[in-house]
C-alpha atoms as a PDB file:
ATOM      1  CA  MET A   1      69.587 -18.951  78.042  1.00  0.00           C
ATOM      2  CA  ALA A   2      70.013 -18.954  74.263  1.00  0.00           C
ATOM      3  CA  ARG A   3      70.450 -15.605  72.593  1.00  0.00           C
ATOM      4  CA  LYS A   4      67.977 -14.746  69.854  1.00  0.00           C
ATOM      5  CA  ARG A   5      68.349 -12.250  67.067  1.00  0.00           C
ATOM      6  CA  HIS A   6      65.168 -10.440  66.140  1.00  0.00           C
ATOM      7  CA  SER A   7      64.645  -8.595  62.897  1.00  0.00           C
ATOM      8  CA  ASP A   8      63.587  -4.979  63.094  1.00  0.00           C
ATOM      9  CA  GLU A   9      60.064  -5.899  62.035  1.00  0.00           C
ATOM     10  CA  ASP A  10      59.895  -8.488  64.824  1.00  0.00           C
ATOM     11  CA  VAL A  11      61.077  -5.876  67.307  1.00  0.00           C
ATOM     12  CA  LEU A  12      58.273  -3.511  66.266  1.00  0.00           C
ATOM     13  CA  LYS A  13      55.754  -6.333  66.585  1.00  0.00           C
ATOM     14  CA  ILE A  14      56.991  -7.267  70.070  1.00  0.00           C
ATOM     15  CA  LEU A  15      56.977  -3.622  71.164  1.00  0.00           C
ATOM     16  CA  ARG A  16      53.368  -3.265  70.031  1.00  0.00           C
ATOM     17  CA  GLU A  17      52.465  -6.451  71.885  1.00  0.00           C
ATOM     18  CA  VAL A  18      54.075  -5.158  75.088  1.00  0.00           C
ATOM     19  CA  GLU A  19      52.303  -1.804  74.705  1.00  0.00           C
ATOM     20  CA  VAL A  20      48.962  -3.611  74.398  1.00  0.00           C
ATOM     21  CA  HIS A  21      49.693  -5.546  77.582  1.00  0.00           C
ATOM     22  CA  LEU A  22      50.718  -2.356  79.357  1.00  0.00           C
ATOM     23  CA  SER A  23      47.550  -0.561  78.298  1.00  0.00           C
ATOM     24  CA  SER A  24      45.483  -3.434  79.673  1.00  0.00           C
ATOM     25  CA  GLY A  25      46.999  -2.851  83.100  1.00  0.00           C
ATOM     26  CA  MET A  26      49.956  -5.229  83.272  1.00  0.00           C
ATOM     27  CA  ASP A  27      53.244  -4.058  84.692  1.00  0.00           C
ATOM     28  CA  VAL A  28      56.351  -3.862  82.500  1.00  0.00           C
ATOM     29  CA  GLN A  29      57.978  -6.993  83.901  1.00  0.00           C
ATOM     30  CA  SER A  30      54.908  -9.180  83.329  1.00  0.00           C
ATOM     31  CA  ALA A  31      54.260  -7.746  79.856  1.00  0.00           C
ATOM     32  CA  CYS A  32      57.865  -8.389  78.840  1.00  0.00           C
ATOM     33  CA  ARG A  33      57.771 -11.905  80.250  1.00  0.00           C
ATOM     34  CA  THR A  34      54.660 -12.758  78.192  1.00  0.00           C
ATOM     35  CA  ALA A  35      56.380 -11.348  75.083  1.00  0.00           C
ATOM     36  CA  GLY A  36      59.480 -13.431  75.802  1.00  0.00           C
ATOM     37  CA  ILE A  37      61.984 -10.644  76.325  1.00  0.00           C
ATOM     38  CA  SER A  38      63.675  -9.074  79.331  1.00  0.00           C
ATOM     39  CA  ASP A  39      62.612  -5.686  80.563  1.00  0.00           C
ATOM     40  CA  ALA A  40      66.129  -4.352  79.844  1.00  0.00           C
ATOM     41  CA  THR A  41      65.704  -5.428  76.220  1.00  0.00           C
ATOM     42  CA  TYR A  42      62.314  -3.730  76.153  1.00  0.00           C
ATOM     43  CA  TYR A  43      63.783  -0.425  77.325  1.00  0.00           C
ATOM     44  CA  ILE A  44      66.661  -0.621  74.822  1.00  0.00           C
ATOM     45  CA  TRP A  45      64.280  -1.387  71.955  1.00  0.00           C
ATOM     46  CA  ARG A  46      61.833   1.299  73.075  1.00  0.00           C
ATOM     47  CA  LYS A  47      64.663   3.838  73.093  1.00  0.00           C
ATOM     48  CA  LYS A  48      65.772   2.787  69.603  1.00  0.00           C
ATOM     49  CA  PHE A  49      62.433   2.076  67.883  1.00  0.00           C
ATOM     50  CA  GLY A  50      59.871   3.848  70.096  1.00  0.00           C
ATOM     51  CA  GLY A  51      57.034   5.429  68.148  1.00  0.00           C
ATOM     52  CA  MET A  52      58.372   4.188  64.827  1.00  0.00           C
ATOM     53  CA  GLY A  53      56.162   2.672  62.149  1.00  0.00           C
ATOM     54  CA  ARG A  54      57.035   0.317  59.320  1.00  0.00           C
ATOM     55  CA  SER A  55      57.450   3.134  56.809  1.00  0.00           C
ATOM     56  CA  GLN A  56      59.804   4.998  59.114  1.00  0.00           C
ATOM     57  CA  LEU A  57      61.725   1.786  59.723  1.00  0.00           C
ATOM     58  CA  SER A  58      62.210   1.196  56.002  1.00  0.00           C
ATOM     59  CA  GLU A  59      63.271   4.821  55.584  1.00  0.00           C
ATOM     60  CA  LEU A  60      65.765   4.420  58.438  1.00  0.00           C
ATOM     61  CA  LYS A  61      67.206   1.294  56.809  1.00  0.00           C
ATOM     62  CA  SER A  62      67.583   3.015  53.443  1.00  0.00           C
ATOM     63  CA  LEU A  63      69.272   6.017  55.073  1.00  0.00           C
ATOM     64  CA  GLN A  64      71.679   3.743  56.933  1.00  0.00           C
ATOM     65  CA  LYS A  65      72.485   1.919  53.693  1.00  0.00           C
ATOM     66  CA  GLU A  66      73.102   5.219  51.895  1.00  0.00           C
ATOM     67  CA  ASN A  67      75.274   6.435  54.775  1.00  0.00           C
ATOM     68  CA  ASP A  68      77.387   3.271  54.616  1.00  0.00           C
ATOM     69  CA  ARG A  69      77.807   3.714  50.862  1.00  0.00           C
ATOM     70  CA  LEU A  70      78.896   7.333  51.273  1.00  0.00           C
ATOM     71  CA  LYS A  71      81.357   6.439  54.043  1.00  0.00           C
ATOM     72  CA  LYS A  72      82.918   3.850  51.749  1.00  0.00           C
ATOM     73  CA  ILE A  73      83.266   6.423  48.964  1.00  0.00           C
ATOM     74  CA  VAL A  74      84.912   8.914  51.326  1.00  0.00           C
ATOM     75  CA  ALA A  75      87.350   6.268  52.561  1.00  0.00           C
ATOM     76  CA  GLU A  76      88.321   5.355  48.983  1.00  0.00           C
ATOM     77  CA  LEU A  77      88.807   9.021  48.053  1.00  0.00           C
ATOM     78  CA  GLU A  78      90.945   9.604  51.131  1.00  0.00           C
ATOM     79  CA  LEU A  79      93.114   6.640  50.165  1.00  0.00           C
ATOM     80  CA  ASP A  80      93.470   7.987  46.610  1.00  0.00           C
ATOM     81  CA  LYS A  81      94.455  11.373  48.030  1.00  0.00           C
ATOM     82  CA  LEU A  82      97.169   9.818  50.202  1.00  0.00           C
ATOM     83  CA  ILE A  83      98.550   7.817  47.268  1.00  0.00           C
ATOM     84  CA  LEU A  84      98.703  10.931  45.103  1.00  0.00           C
ATOM     85  CA  LYS A  85     100.386  12.916  47.860  1.00  0.00           C
ATOM     86  CA  GLU A  86     103.036  10.212  48.323  1.00  0.00           C
ATOM     87  CA  SER A  87     103.708  10.010  44.598  1.00  0.00           C
ATOM     88  CA  LEU A  88     104.018  13.800  44.424  1.00  0.00           C
ATOM     89  CA  ASP A  89     106.544  13.759  47.263  1.00  0.00           C
ATOM     90  CA  PHE A  90     108.492  11.043  45.442  1.00  0.00           C
ATOM     91  CA  LEU A  91     108.558  12.956  42.145  1.00  0.00           C
ATOM     92  CA  LYS A  92     109.373  16.338  43.701  1.00  0.00           C
ATOM     93  CA  PRO A  93     113.083  17.182  43.351  1.00  0.00           C
ATOM     94  CA  LYS A  94     114.870  17.404  46.672  1.00  0.00           C
ATOM     95  CA  ALA A  95     116.878  20.545  47.271  1.00  0.00           C
END
């Protein structure tokens, strides 16, 4: 079976669709089959995105983007620190 990549918005839409089917009395396997996903995928997505709205999703994305940016800054500063430490060791007179 071909593997599909769903955007986060699509995942929320599919989760809502499955929840509607579940509230109408379907079991999880049948609801997932009508939505076109496996029940394992449903449980993974529900764990990750359960109870999340679009605004929370956009906030999560912006926080992840900010976190990535800060991690990059820390990595660059750590590299600068190591370079300075090595140059200091090189310039320090040896006794």
